[in-house]
Amino acid sequence: MQNIIEINGIKLYAYHGCLKEEAIIGGNYIVDVFIKTNFTKASKTDNLDQTIDYVLVNNIVKEEMAIRSKLIEHVGQRIYDRMLTKFDAIISLQVKIRKLSPPINGDVDEVSISIG
């Protein structure tokens, strides 16, 4: 059986971007994580060890987002790789990073990348 866990709207302030100013000023980001797994045992036993711990997912996202990168593609790949390494129970994974109000010389709400 396949089940889905979504951790949506992880709000962070980080310092990613190619511009020098972005390394100093930073910006707002939202990360969403979509995990296919099998949590049938957890649903029957009420045992956290039988599923993916949301706290650990959130911590991985926060830790990787705290490491500066020029590209959100790079940060997204680090989050994706680390999740696959940490959780054997992942069947498939998608990580989405949204950069709010990007400095791209236009009226743009956000840019985003998705990996997975």
PDB file of N, CA and C in Angstrom:
ATOM      1  N   MET A   1       0.839  -1.185   0.000  1.00  0.00           N
ATOM      2  CA  MET A   1       0.000   0.000   0.000  1.00  0.00           C
ATOM      3  C   MET A   1       0.880   1.243   0.000  1.00  0.00           C
ATOM      4  N   GLN A   2       0.422   2.276  -0.682  1.00  0.00           N
ATOM      5  CA  GLN A   2       1.132   3.544  -0.683  1.00  0.00           C
ATOM      6  C   GLN A   2       0.262   4.604  -0.023  1.00  0.00           C
ATOM      7  N   ASN A   3       0.889   5.357   0.859  1.00  0.00           N
ATOM      8  CA  ASN A   3       0.238   6.457   1.546  1.00  0.00           C
ATOM      9  C   ASN A   3       1.023   7.726   1.262  1.00  0.00           C
ATOM     10  N   ILE A   4       0.402   8.841   1.563  1.00  0.00           N
ATOM     11  CA  ILE A   4       1.039  10.130   1.283  1.00  0.00           C
ATOM     12  C   ILE A   4       1.120  10.964   2.545  1.00  0.00           C
ATOM     13  N   ILE A   5       2.279  11.541   2.752  1.00  0.00           N
ATOM     14  CA  ILE A   5       2.499  12.522   3.811  1.00  0.00           C
ATOM     15  C   ILE A   5       2.908  13.819   3.128  1.00  0.00           C
ATOM     16  N   GLU A   6       2.247  14.904   3.488  1.00  0.00           N
ATOM     17  CA  GLU A   6       2.601  16.226   2.972  1.00  0.00           C
ATOM     18  C   GLU A   6       2.927  17.143   4.137  1.00  0.00           C
ATOM     19  N   ILE A   7       4.053  17.799   4.051  1.00  0.00           N
ATOM     20  CA  ILE A   7       4.413  18.849   4.998  1.00  0.00           C
ATOM     21  C   ILE A   7       4.496  20.112   4.148  1.00  0.00           C
ATOM     22  N   ASN A   8       3.483  20.936   4.244  1.00  0.00           N
ATOM     23  CA  ASN A   8       3.347  22.101   3.373  1.00  0.00           C
ATOM     24  C   ASN A   8       3.518  23.408   4.132  1.00  0.00           C
ATOM     25  N   GLY A   9       4.108  24.364   3.447  1.00  0.00           N
ATOM     26  CA  GLY A   9       4.187  25.717   3.992  1.00  0.00           C
ATOM     27  C   GLY A   9       5.224  25.899   5.081  1.00  0.00           C
ATOM     28  N   ILE A  10       6.371  25.225   4.949  1.00  0.00           N
ATOM     29  CA  ILE A  10       7.461  25.458   5.899  1.00  0.00           C
ATOM     30  C   ILE A  10       8.047  26.829   5.561  1.00  0.00           C
ATOM     31  N   LYS A  11       7.803  27.794   6.429  1.00  0.00           N
ATOM     32  CA  LYS A  11       8.218  29.174   6.169  1.00  0.00           C
ATOM     33  C   LYS A  11       9.587  29.439   6.785  1.00  0.00           C
ATOM     34  N   LEU A  12      10.478  29.982   5.945  1.00  0.00           N
ATOM     35  CA  LEU A  12      11.852  30.218   6.385  1.00  0.00           C
ATOM     36  C   LEU A  12      12.368  31.541   5.832  1.00  0.00           C
ATOM     37  N   TYR A  13      13.331  32.085   6.524  1.00  0.00           N
ATOM     38  CA  TYR A  13      14.078  33.233   6.027  1.00  0.00           C
ATOM     39  C   TYR A  13      15.479  32.727   5.749  1.00  0.00           C
ATOM     40  N   ALA A  14      15.962  32.950   4.531  1.00  0.00           N
ATOM     41  CA  ALA A  14      17.273  32.416   4.158  1.00  0.00           C
ATOM     42  C   ALA A  14      17.997  33.387   3.231  1.00  0.00           C
ATOM     43  N   TYR A  15      19.219  33.044   2.886  1.00  0.00           N
ATOM     44  CA  TYR A  15      20.118  33.964   2.178  1.00  0.00           C
ATOM     45  C   TYR A  15      20.619  33.384   0.857  1.00  0.00           C
ATOM     46  N   HIS A  16      19.712  32.856   0.058  1.00  0.00           N
ATOM     47  CA  HIS A  16      20.078  32.269  -1.218  1.00  0.00           C
ATOM     48  C   HIS A  16      19.927  33.292  -2.335  1.00  0.00           C
ATOM     49  N   GLY A  17      20.740  33.132  -3.368  1.00  0.00           N
ATOM     50  CA  GLY A  17      20.642  33.987  -4.536  1.00  0.00           C
ATOM     51  C   GLY A  17      22.004  34.316  -5.103  1.00  0.00           C
ATOM     52  N   CYS A  18      21.995  34.727  -6.351  1.00  0.00           N
ATOM     53  CA  CYS A  18      23.241  35.046  -7.049  1.00  0.00           C
ATOM     54  C   CYS A  18      23.737  36.464  -6.754  1.00  0.00           C
ATOM     55  N   LEU A  19      22.853  37.318  -6.281  1.00  0.00           N
ATOM     56  CA  LEU A  19      23.237  38.701  -6.001  1.00  0.00           C
ATOM     57  C   LEU A  19      23.880  38.830  -4.623  1.00  0.00           C
ATOM     58  N   LYS A  20      24.887  39.718  -4.522  1.00  0.00           N
ATOM     59  CA  LYS A  20      25.559  39.955  -3.240  1.00  0.00           C
ATOM     60  C   LYS A  20      24.564  40.409  -2.179  1.00  0.00           C
ATOM     61  N   GLU A  21      23.616  41.241  -2.600  1.00  0.00           N
ATOM     62  CA  GLU A  21      22.623  41.771  -1.666  1.00  0.00           C
ATOM     63  C   GLU A  21      21.787  40.656  -1.024  1.00  0.00           C
ATOM     64  N   GLU A  22      21.524  39.600  -1.789  1.00  0.00           N
ATOM     65  CA  GLU A  22      20.720  38.495  -1.259  1.00  0.00           C
ATOM     66  C   GLU A  22      21.453  37.774  -0.125  1.00  0.00           C
ATOM     67  N   ALA A  23      22.775  37.761  -0.201  1.00  0.00           N
ATOM     68  CA  ALA A  23      23.569  37.135   0.856  1.00  0.00           C
ATOM     69  C   ALA A  23      23.533  37.971   2.137  1.00  0.00           C
ATOM     70  N   ILE A  24      23.281  39.261   1.990  1.00  0.00           N
ATOM     71  CA  ILE A  24      23.261  40.164   3.143  1.00  0.00           C
ATOM     72  C   ILE A  24      21.841  40.356   3.672  1.00  0.00           C
ATOM     73  N   ILE A  25      20.914  40.631   2.758  1.00  0.00           N
ATOM     74  CA  ILE A  25      19.536  40.964   3.136  1.00  0.00           C
ATOM     75  C   ILE A  25      18.687  39.718   3.356  1.00  0.00           C
ATOM     76  N   GLY A  26      18.860  38.716   2.510  1.00  0.00           N
ATOM     77  CA  GLY A  26      18.058  37.498   2.602  1.00  0.00           C
ATOM     78  C   GLY A  26      16.658  37.691   2.057  1.00  0.00           C
ATOM     79  N   GLY A  27      15.842  36.660   2.226  1.00  0.00           N
ATOM     80  CA  GLY A  27      14.474  36.718   1.733  1.00  0.00           C
ATOM     81  C   GLY A  27      13.627  35.592   2.305  1.00  0.00           C
ATOM     82  N   ASN A  28      12.342  35.660   1.996  1.00  0.00           N
ATOM     83  CA  ASN A  28      11.380  34.685   2.483  1.00  0.00           C
ATOM     84  C   ASN A  28      11.219  33.526   1.501  1.00  0.00           C
ATOM     85  N   TYR A  29      11.103  32.323   2.070  1.00  0.00           N
ATOM     86  CA  TYR A  29      10.958  31.103   1.288  1.00  0.00           C
ATOM     87  C   TYR A  29       9.865  30.242   1.919  1.00  0.00           C
ATOM     88  N   ILE A  30       9.239  29.438   1.080  1.00  0.00           N
ATOM     89  CA  ILE A  30       8.290  28.433   1.553  1.00  0.00           C
ATOM     90  C   ILE A  30       8.676  27.105   0.922  1.00  0.00           C
ATOM     91  N   VAL A  31       8.751  26.069   1.751  1.00  0.00           N
ATOM     92  CA  VAL A  31       9.126  24.740   1.273  1.00  0.00           C
ATOM     93  C   VAL A  31       7.973  23.776   1.537  1.00  0.00           C
ATOM     94  N   ASP A  32       7.667  22.959   0.533  1.00  0.00           N
ATOM     95  CA  ASP A  32       6.665  21.906   0.645  1.00  0.00           C
ATOM     96  C   ASP A  32       7.349  20.569   0.365  1.00  0.00           C
ATOM     97  N   VAL A  33       6.989  19.560   1.154  1.00  0.00           N
ATOM     98  CA  VAL A  33       7.558  18.220   0.986  1.00  0.00           C
ATOM     99  C   VAL A  33       6.407  17.236   0.828  1.00  0.00           C
ATOM    100  N   PHE A  34       6.484  16.439  -0.226  1.00  0.00           N
ATOM    101  CA  PHE A  34       5.457  15.458  -0.567  1.00  0.00           C
ATOM    102  C   PHE A  34       6.121  14.082  -0.573  1.00  0.00           C
ATOM    103  N   ILE A  35       5.684  13.194   0.329  1.00  0.00           N
ATOM    104  CA  ILE A  35       6.329  11.892   0.503  1.00  0.00           C
ATOM    105  C   ILE A  35       5.319  10.772   0.277  1.00  0.00           C
ATOM    106  N   LYS A  36       5.664   9.842  -0.620  1.00  0.00           N
ATOM    107  CA  LYS A  36       4.912   8.589  -0.731  1.00  0.00           C
ATOM    108  C   LYS A  36       5.641   7.560   0.109  1.00  0.00           C
ATOM    109  N   THR A  37       4.894   6.887   0.959  1.00  0.00           N
ATOM    110  CA  THR A  37       5.453   5.887   1.856  1.00  0.00           C
ATOM    111  C   THR A  37       4.357   4.879   2.175  1.00  0.00           C
ATOM    112  N   ASN A  38       4.640   3.979   3.062  1.00  0.00           N
ATOM    113  CA  ASN A  38       3.623   3.047   3.540  1.00  0.00           C
ATOM    114  C   ASN A  38       3.563   3.173   5.054  1.00  0.00           C
ATOM    115  N   PHE A  39       2.538   3.870   5.541  1.00  0.00           N
ATOM    116  CA  PHE A  39       2.406   4.015   6.989  1.00  0.00           C
ATOM    117  C   PHE A  39       1.268   3.163   7.560  1.00  0.00           C
ATOM    118  N   THR A  40       0.974   2.059   6.890  1.00  0.00           N
ATOM    119  CA  THR A  40      -0.086   1.157   7.339  1.00  0.00           C
ATOM    120  C   THR A  40       0.178   0.653   8.757  1.00  0.00           C
ATOM    121  N   LYS A  41       1.416   0.231   9.031  1.00  0.00           N
ATOM    122  CA  LYS A  41       1.742  -0.266  10.377  1.00  0.00           C
ATOM    123  C   LYS A  41       1.536   0.822  11.422  1.00  0.00           C
ATOM    124  N   ALA A  42       1.986   2.021  11.121  1.00  0.00           N
ATOM    125  CA  ALA A  42       1.834   3.129  12.073  1.00  0.00           C
ATOM    126  C   ALA A  42       0.366   3.433  12.331  1.00  0.00           C
ATOM    127  N   SER A  43      -0.449   3.339  11.289  1.00  0.00           N
ATOM    128  CA  SER A  43      -1.869   3.631  11.464  1.00  0.00           C
ATOM    129  C   SER A  43      -2.562   2.588  12.342  1.00  0.00           C
ATOM    130  N   LYS A  44      -1.989   1.398  12.407  1.00  0.00           N
ATOM    131  CA  LYS A  44      -2.569   0.328  13.241  1.00  0.00           C
ATOM    132  C   LYS A  44      -1.958   0.278  14.637  1.00  0.00           C
ATOM    133  N   THR A  45      -0.667   0.633  14.744  1.00  0.00           N
ATOM    134  CA  THR A  45       0.031   0.494  16.026  1.00  0.00           C
ATOM    135  C   THR A  45       0.156   1.805  16.793  1.00  0.00           C
ATOM    136  N   ASP A  46      -0.084   2.947  16.123  1.00  0.00           N
ATOM    137  CA  ASP A  46       0.079   4.270  16.731  1.00  0.00           C
ATOM    138  C   ASP A  46       1.525   4.482  17.182  1.00  0.00           C
ATOM    139  N   ASN A  47       2.478   3.968  16.383  1.00  0.00           N
ATOM    140  CA  ASN A  47       3.897   4.011  16.712  1.00  0.00           C
ATOM    141  C   ASN A  47       4.628   4.909  15.717  1.00  0.00           C
ATOM    142  N   LEU A  48       5.218   5.971  16.228  1.00  0.00           N
ATOM    143  CA  LEU A  48       5.929   6.933  15.390  1.00  0.00           C
ATOM    144  C   LEU A  48       7.077   6.294  14.610  1.00  0.00           C
ATOM    145  N   ASP A  49       7.686   5.268  15.164  1.00  0.00           N
ATOM    146  CA  ASP A  49       8.802   4.594  14.494  1.00  0.00           C
ATOM    147  C   ASP A  49       8.375   3.867  13.220  1.00  0.00           C
ATOM    148  N   GLN A  50       7.088   3.726  12.997  1.00  0.00           N
ATOM    149  CA  GLN A  50       6.564   3.017  11.826  1.00  0.00           C
ATOM    150  C   GLN A  50       6.202   3.956  10.674  1.00  0.00           C
ATOM    151  N   THR A  51       6.566   5.229  10.795  1.00  0.00           N
ATOM    152  CA  THR A  51       6.238   6.206   9.761  1.00  0.00           C
ATOM    153  C   THR A  51       7.360   7.235   9.650  1.00  0.00           C
ATOM    154  N   ILE A  52       7.123   8.273   8.872  1.00  0.00           N
ATOM    155  CA  ILE A  52       8.086   9.362   8.694  1.00  0.00           C
ATOM    156  C   ILE A  52       7.779  10.441   9.739  1.00  0.00           C
ATOM    157  N   ASP A  53       8.768  10.798  10.520  1.00  0.00           N
ATOM    158  CA  ASP A  53       8.602  11.804  11.580  1.00  0.00           C
ATOM    159  C   ASP A  53       8.628  13.207  10.963  1.00  0.00           C
ATOM    160  N   TYR A  54       7.515  13.927  11.074  1.00  0.00           N
ATOM    161  CA  TYR A  54       7.403  15.277  10.493  1.00  0.00           C
ATOM    162  C   TYR A  54       8.431  16.234  11.086  1.00  0.00           C
ATOM    163  N   VAL A  55       8.742  16.055  12.369  1.00  0.00           N
ATOM    164  CA  VAL A  55       9.720  16.927  13.025  1.00  0.00           C
ATOM    165  C   VAL A  55      11.087  16.777  12.364  1.00  0.00           C
ATOM    166  N   LEU A  56      11.473  15.543  12.059  1.00  0.00           N
ATOM    167  CA  LEU A  56      12.766  15.314  11.402  1.00  0.00           C
ATOM    168  C   LEU A  56      12.782  15.898   9.992  1.00  0.00           C
ATOM    169  N   VAL A  57      11.667  15.775   9.279  1.00  0.00           N
ATOM    170  CA  VAL A  57      11.562  16.367   7.936  1.00  0.00           C
ATOM    171  C   VAL A  57      11.752  17.879   8.037  1.00  0.00           C
ATOM    172  N   ASN A  58      11.033  18.507   8.954  1.00  0.00           N
ATOM    173  CA  ASN A  58      11.138  19.951   9.148  1.00  0.00           C
ATOM    174  C   ASN A  58      12.562  20.363   9.513  1.00  0.00           C
ATOM    175  N   ASN A  59      13.210  19.590  10.375  1.00  0.00           N
ATOM    176  CA  ASN A  59      14.583  19.909  10.774  1.00  0.00           C
ATOM    177  C   ASN A  59      15.555  19.825   9.604  1.00  0.00           C
ATOM    178  N   ILE A  60      15.404  18.816   8.766  1.00  0.00           N
ATOM    179  CA  ILE A  60      16.267  18.698   7.582  1.00  0.00           C
ATOM    180  C   ILE A  60      16.093  19.910   6.682  1.00  0.00           C
ATOM    181  N   VAL A  61      14.854  20.296   6.440  1.00  0.00           N
ATOM    182  CA  VAL A  61      14.584  21.468   5.592  1.00  0.00           C
ATOM    183  C   VAL A  61      15.231  22.711   6.205  1.00  0.00           C
ATOM    184  N   LYS A  62      15.032  22.942   7.491  1.00  0.00           N
ATOM    185  CA  LYS A  62      15.597  24.129   8.146  1.00  0.00           C
ATOM    186  C   LYS A  62      17.123  24.126   8.088  1.00  0.00           C
ATOM    187  N   GLU A  63      17.738  22.977   8.347  1.00  0.00           N
ATOM    188  CA  GLU A  63      19.201  22.892   8.347  1.00  0.00           C
ATOM    189  C   GLU A  63      19.780  23.156   6.960  1.00  0.00           C
ATOM    190  N   GLU A  64      19.187  22.572   5.938  1.00  0.00           N
ATOM    191  CA  GLU A  64      19.705  22.764   4.578  1.00  0.00           C
ATOM    192  C   GLU A  64      19.432  24.175   4.058  1.00  0.00           C
ATOM    193  N   MET A  65      18.282  24.734   4.419  1.00  0.00           N
ATOM    194  CA  MET A  65      17.973  26.103   3.991  1.00  0.00           C
ATOM    195  C   MET A  65      18.889  27.117   4.678  1.00  0.00           C
ATOM    196  N   ALA A  66      19.474  26.768   5.810  1.00  0.00           N
ATOM    197  CA  ALA A  66      20.381  27.662   6.528  1.00  0.00           C
ATOM    198  C   ALA A  66      21.766  27.731   5.878  1.00  0.00           C
ATOM    199  N   ILE A  67      22.057  26.796   4.959  1.00  0.00           N
ATOM    200  CA  ILE A  67      23.338  26.791   4.252  1.00  0.00           C
ATOM    201  C   ILE A  67      23.163  27.569   2.953  1.00  0.00           C
ATOM    202  N   ARG A  68      23.873  28.673   2.831  1.00  0.00           N
ATOM    203  CA  ARG A  68      23.709  29.556   1.670  1.00  0.00           C
ATOM    204  C   ARG A  68      24.083  28.858   0.362  1.00  0.00           C
ATOM    205  N   SER A  69      23.254  29.088  -0.638  1.00  0.00           N
ATOM    206  CA  SER A  69      23.523  28.649  -2.006  1.00  0.00           C
ATOM    207  C   SER A  69      23.128  29.770  -2.953  1.00  0.00           C
ATOM    208  N   LYS A  70      23.748  29.797  -4.096  1.00  0.00           N
ATOM    209  CA  LYS A  70      23.347  30.765  -5.109  1.00  0.00           C
ATOM    210  C   LYS A  70      22.007  30.378  -5.720  1.00  0.00           C
ATOM    211  N   LEU A  71      21.782  29.074  -5.883  1.00  0.00           N
ATOM    212  CA  LEU A  71      20.589  28.590  -6.575  1.00  0.00           C
ATOM    213  C   LEU A  71      19.688  27.791  -5.640  1.00  0.00           C
ATOM    214  N   ILE A  72      18.375  28.048  -5.724  1.00  0.00           N
ATOM    215  CA  ILE A  72      17.454  27.233  -4.930  1.00  0.00           C
ATOM    216  C   ILE A  72      17.399  25.809  -5.473  1.00  0.00           C
ATOM    217  N   GLU A  73      17.790  25.634  -6.720  1.00  0.00           N
ATOM    218  CA  GLU A  73      17.905  24.283  -7.275  1.00  0.00           C
ATOM    219  C   GLU A  73      18.910  23.453  -6.470  1.00  0.00           C
ATOM    220  N   HIS A  74      19.997  24.096  -6.083  1.00  0.00           N
ATOM    221  CA  HIS A  74      21.048  23.426  -5.311  1.00  0.00           C
ATOM    222  C   HIS A  74      20.548  23.055  -3.917  1.00  0.00           C
ATOM    223  N   VAL A  75      19.866  23.987  -3.266  1.00  0.00           N
ATOM    224  CA  VAL A  75      19.309  23.722  -1.936  1.00  0.00           C
ATOM    225  C   VAL A  75      18.278  22.601  -2.013  1.00  0.00           C
ATOM    226  N   GLY A  76      17.411  22.658  -3.018  1.00  0.00           N
ATOM    227  CA  GLY A  76      16.386  21.632  -3.192  1.00  0.00           C
ATOM    228  C   GLY A  76      16.981  20.247  -3.370  1.00  0.00           C
ATOM    229  N   GLN A  77      18.049  20.157  -4.132  1.00  0.00           N
ATOM    230  CA  GLN A  77      18.701  18.857  -4.348  1.00  0.00           C
ATOM    231  C   GLN A  77      19.315  18.333  -3.058  1.00  0.00           C
ATOM    232  N   ARG A  78      19.896  19.225  -2.258  1.00  0.00           N
ATOM    233  CA  ARG A  78      20.460  18.805  -0.963  1.00  0.00           C
ATOM    234  C   ARG A  78      19.371  18.267  -0.038  1.00  0.00           C
ATOM    235  N   ILE A  79      18.244  18.976   0.013  1.00  0.00           N
ATOM    236  CA  ILE A  79      17.124  18.521   0.855  1.00  0.00           C
ATOM    237  C   ILE A  79      16.641  17.163   0.367  1.00  0.00           C
ATOM    238  N   TYR A  80      16.450  17.039  -0.930  1.00  0.00           N
ATOM    239  CA  TYR A  80      15.963  15.795  -1.543  1.00  0.00           C
ATOM    240  C   TYR A  80      16.902  14.625  -1.220  1.00  0.00           C
ATOM    241  N   ASP A  81      18.187  14.824  -1.450  1.00  0.00           N
ATOM    242  CA  ASP A  81      19.170  13.756  -1.214  1.00  0.00           C
ATOM    243  C   ASP A  81      19.224  13.360   0.256  1.00  0.00           C
ATOM    244  N   ARG A  82      19.187  14.337   1.122  1.00  0.00           N
ATOM    245  CA  ARG A  82      19.266  14.048   2.557  1.00  0.00           C
ATOM    246  C   ARG A  82      18.037  13.288   3.042  1.00  0.00           C
ATOM    247  N   MET A  83      16.863  13.649   2.534  1.00  0.00           N
ATOM    248  CA  MET A  83      15.629  12.934   2.917  1.00  0.00           C
ATOM    249  C   MET A  83      15.708  11.467   2.494  1.00  0.00           C
ATOM    250  N   LEU A  84      16.162  11.228   1.257  1.00  0.00           N
ATOM    251  CA  LEU A  84      16.259   9.843   0.780  1.00  0.00           C
ATOM    252  C   LEU A  84      17.260   9.043   1.599  1.00  0.00           C
ATOM    253  N   THR A  85      18.321   9.691   2.041  1.00  0.00           N
ATOM    254  CA  THR A  85      19.322   9.021   2.868  1.00  0.00           C
ATOM    255  C   THR A  85      18.782   8.732   4.268  1.00  0.00           C
ATOM    256  N   LYS A  86      18.030   9.667   4.814  1.00  0.00           N
ATOM    257  CA  LYS A  86      17.538   9.548   6.193  1.00  0.00           C
ATOM    258  C   LYS A  86      16.387   8.553   6.342  1.00  0.00           C
ATOM    259  N   PHE A  87      15.478   8.525   5.365  1.00  0.00           N
ATOM    260  CA  PHE A  87      14.250   7.743   5.511  1.00  0.00           C
ATOM    261  C   PHE A  87      14.193   6.613   4.482  1.00  0.00           C
ATOM    262  N   ASP A  88      14.442   5.398   4.919  1.00  0.00           N
ATOM    263  CA  ASP A  88      14.386   4.230   4.039  1.00  0.00           C
ATOM    264  C   ASP A  88      12.973   3.962   3.529  1.00  0.00           C
ATOM    265  N   ALA A  89      11.978   4.423   4.257  1.00  0.00           N
ATOM    266  CA  ALA A  89      10.582   4.116   3.932  1.00  0.00           C
ATOM    267  C   ALA A  89      10.010   4.976   2.803  1.00  0.00           C
ATOM    268  N   ILE A  90      10.797   5.906   2.270  1.00  0.00           N
ATOM    269  CA  ILE A  90      10.297   6.756   1.182  1.00  0.00           C
ATOM    270  C   ILE A  90      10.209   5.947  -0.101  1.00  0.00           C
ATOM    271  N   ILE A  91       9.023   5.945  -0.688  1.00  0.00           N
ATOM    272  CA  ILE A  91       8.800   5.322  -1.999  1.00  0.00           C
ATOM    273  C   ILE A  91       9.088   6.340  -3.089  1.00  0.00           C
ATOM    274  N   SER A  92       8.564   7.546  -2.917  1.00  0.00           N
ATOM    275  CA  SER A  92       8.895   8.652  -3.809  1.00  0.00           C
ATOM    276  C   SER A  92       8.797   9.954  -3.020  1.00  0.00           C
ATOM    277  N   LEU A  93       9.452  10.966  -3.549  1.00  0.00           N
ATOM    278  CA  LEU A  93       9.612  12.221  -2.815  1.00  0.00           C
ATOM    279  C   LEU A  93       9.559  13.383  -3.788  1.00  0.00           C
ATOM    280  N   GLN A  94       8.935  14.469  -3.355  1.00  0.00           N
ATOM    281  CA  GLN A  94       8.987  15.723  -4.101  1.00  0.00           C
ATOM    282  C   GLN A  94       9.254  16.850  -3.114  1.00  0.00           C
ATOM    283  N   VAL A  95      10.195  17.711  -3.465  1.00  0.00           N
ATOM    284  CA  VAL A  95      10.526  18.887  -2.669  1.00  0.00           C
ATOM    285  C   VAL A  95      10.294  20.109  -3.540  1.00  0.00           C
ATOM    286  N   LYS A  96       9.513  21.051  -3.023  1.00  0.00           N
ATOM    287  CA  LYS A  96       9.236  22.295  -3.747  1.00  0.00           C
ATOM    288  C   LYS A  96       9.712  23.463  -2.892  1.00  0.00           C
ATOM    289  N   ILE A  97      10.501  24.356  -3.499  1.00  0.00           N
ATOM    290  CA  ILE A  97      10.963  25.563  -2.826  1.00  0.00           C
ATOM    291  C   ILE A  97      10.424  26.763  -3.589  1.00  0.00           C
ATOM    292  N   ARG A  98       9.765  27.666  -2.847  1.00  0.00           N
ATOM    293  CA  ARG A  98       9.256  28.906  -3.425  1.00  0.00           C
ATOM    294  C   ARG A  98      10.032  30.077  -2.831  1.00  0.00           C
ATOM    295  N   LYS A  99      10.553  30.904  -3.708  1.00  0.00           N
ATOM    296  CA  LYS A  99      11.255  32.113  -3.290  1.00  0.00           C
ATOM    297  C   LYS A  99      10.288  33.269  -3.501  1.00  0.00           C
ATOM    298  N   LEU A 100       9.903  33.933  -2.416  1.00  0.00           N
ATOM    299  CA  LEU A 100       8.910  34.996  -2.486  1.00  0.00           C
ATOM    300  C   LEU A 100       9.559  36.321  -2.861  1.00  0.00           C
ATOM    301  N   SER A 101       8.870  37.097  -3.674  1.00  0.00           N
ATOM    302  CA  SER A 101       9.333  38.422  -4.118  1.00  0.00           C
ATOM    303  C   SER A 101      10.780  38.399  -4.592  1.00  0.00           C
ATOM    304  N   PRO A 102      11.081  37.589  -5.599  1.00  0.00           N
ATOM    305  CA  PRO A 102      12.467  37.490  -6.071  1.00  0.00           C
ATOM    306  C   PRO A 102      12.910  38.790  -6.755  1.00  0.00           C
ATOM    307  N   PRO A 103      14.188  39.153  -6.613  1.00  0.00           N
ATOM    308  CA  PRO A 103      14.688  40.385  -7.227  1.00  0.00           C
ATOM    309  C   PRO A 103      15.014  40.177  -8.709  1.00  0.00           C
ATOM    310  N   ILE A 104      13.972  40.106  -9.544  1.00  0.00           N
ATOM    311  CA  ILE A 104      14.201  39.837 -10.967  1.00  0.00           C
ATOM    312  C   ILE A 104      13.711  40.971 -11.869  1.00  0.00           C
ATOM    313  N   ASN A 105      13.661  42.173 -11.318  1.00  0.00           N
ATOM    314  CA  ASN A 105      13.309  43.347 -12.117  1.00  0.00           C
ATOM    315  C   ASN A 105      11.912  43.264 -12.722  1.00  0.00           C
ATOM    316  N   GLY A 106      10.969  42.826 -11.919  1.00  0.00           N
ATOM    317  CA  GLY A 106       9.594  42.740 -12.379  1.00  0.00           C
ATOM    318  C   GLY A 106       8.674  42.489 -11.205  1.00  0.00           C
ATOM    319  N   ASP A 107       7.394  42.611 -11.454  1.00  0.00           N
ATOM    320  CA  ASP A 107       6.389  42.391 -10.419  1.00  0.00           C
ATOM    321  C   ASP A 107       6.018  40.905 -10.406  1.00  0.00           C
ATOM    322  N   VAL A 108       6.786  40.120  -9.637  1.00  0.00           N
ATOM    323  CA  VAL A 108       6.619  38.667  -9.586  1.00  0.00           C
ATOM    324  C   VAL A 108       6.403  38.262  -8.132  1.00  0.00           C
ATOM    325  N   ASP A 109       5.345  37.489  -7.886  1.00  0.00           N
ATOM    326  CA  ASP A 109       5.069  37.027  -6.521  1.00  0.00           C
ATOM    327  C   ASP A 109       6.119  36.053  -6.020  1.00  0.00           C
ATOM    328  N   GLU A 110       6.455  35.074  -6.874  1.00  0.00           N
ATOM    329  CA  GLU A 110       7.396  34.044  -6.448  1.00  0.00           C
ATOM    330  C   GLU A 110       7.965  33.315  -7.650  1.00  0.00           C
ATOM    331  N   VAL A 111       9.096  32.671  -7.419  1.00  0.00           N
ATOM    332  CA  VAL A 111       9.627  31.678  -8.356  1.00  0.00           C
ATOM    333  C   VAL A 111       9.741  30.383  -7.559  1.00  0.00           C
ATOM    334  N   SER A 112       9.674  29.256  -8.242  1.00  0.00           N
ATOM    335  CA  SER A 112       9.764  27.991  -7.504  1.00  0.00           C
ATOM    336  C   SER A 112      10.451  26.931  -8.335  1.00  0.00           C
ATOM    337  N   ILE A 113      10.975  25.944  -7.609  1.00  0.00           N
ATOM    338  CA  ILE A 113      11.534  24.734  -8.240  1.00  0.00           C
ATOM    339  C   ILE A 113      10.919  23.529  -7.545  1.00  0.00           C
ATOM    340  N   SER A 114      10.817  22.444  -8.275  1.00  0.00           N
ATOM    341  CA  SER A 114      10.368  21.184  -7.702  1.00  0.00           C
ATOM    342  C   SER A 114      11.335  20.099  -8.136  1.00  0.00           C
ATOM    343  N   ILE A 115      11.696  19.255  -7.194  1.00  0.00           N
ATOM    344  CA  ILE A 115      12.585  18.133  -7.462  1.00  0.00           C
ATOM    345  C   ILE A 115      11.857  16.854  -7.044  1.00  0.00           C
ATOM    346  N   GLY A 116      11.873  15.888  -7.910  1.00  0.00           N
ATOM    347  CA  GLY A 116      11.268  14.614  -7.577  1.00  0.00           C
ATOM    348  C   GLY A 116      10.114  14.256  -8.459  1.00  0.00           C
TER     349      GLY A 116
END
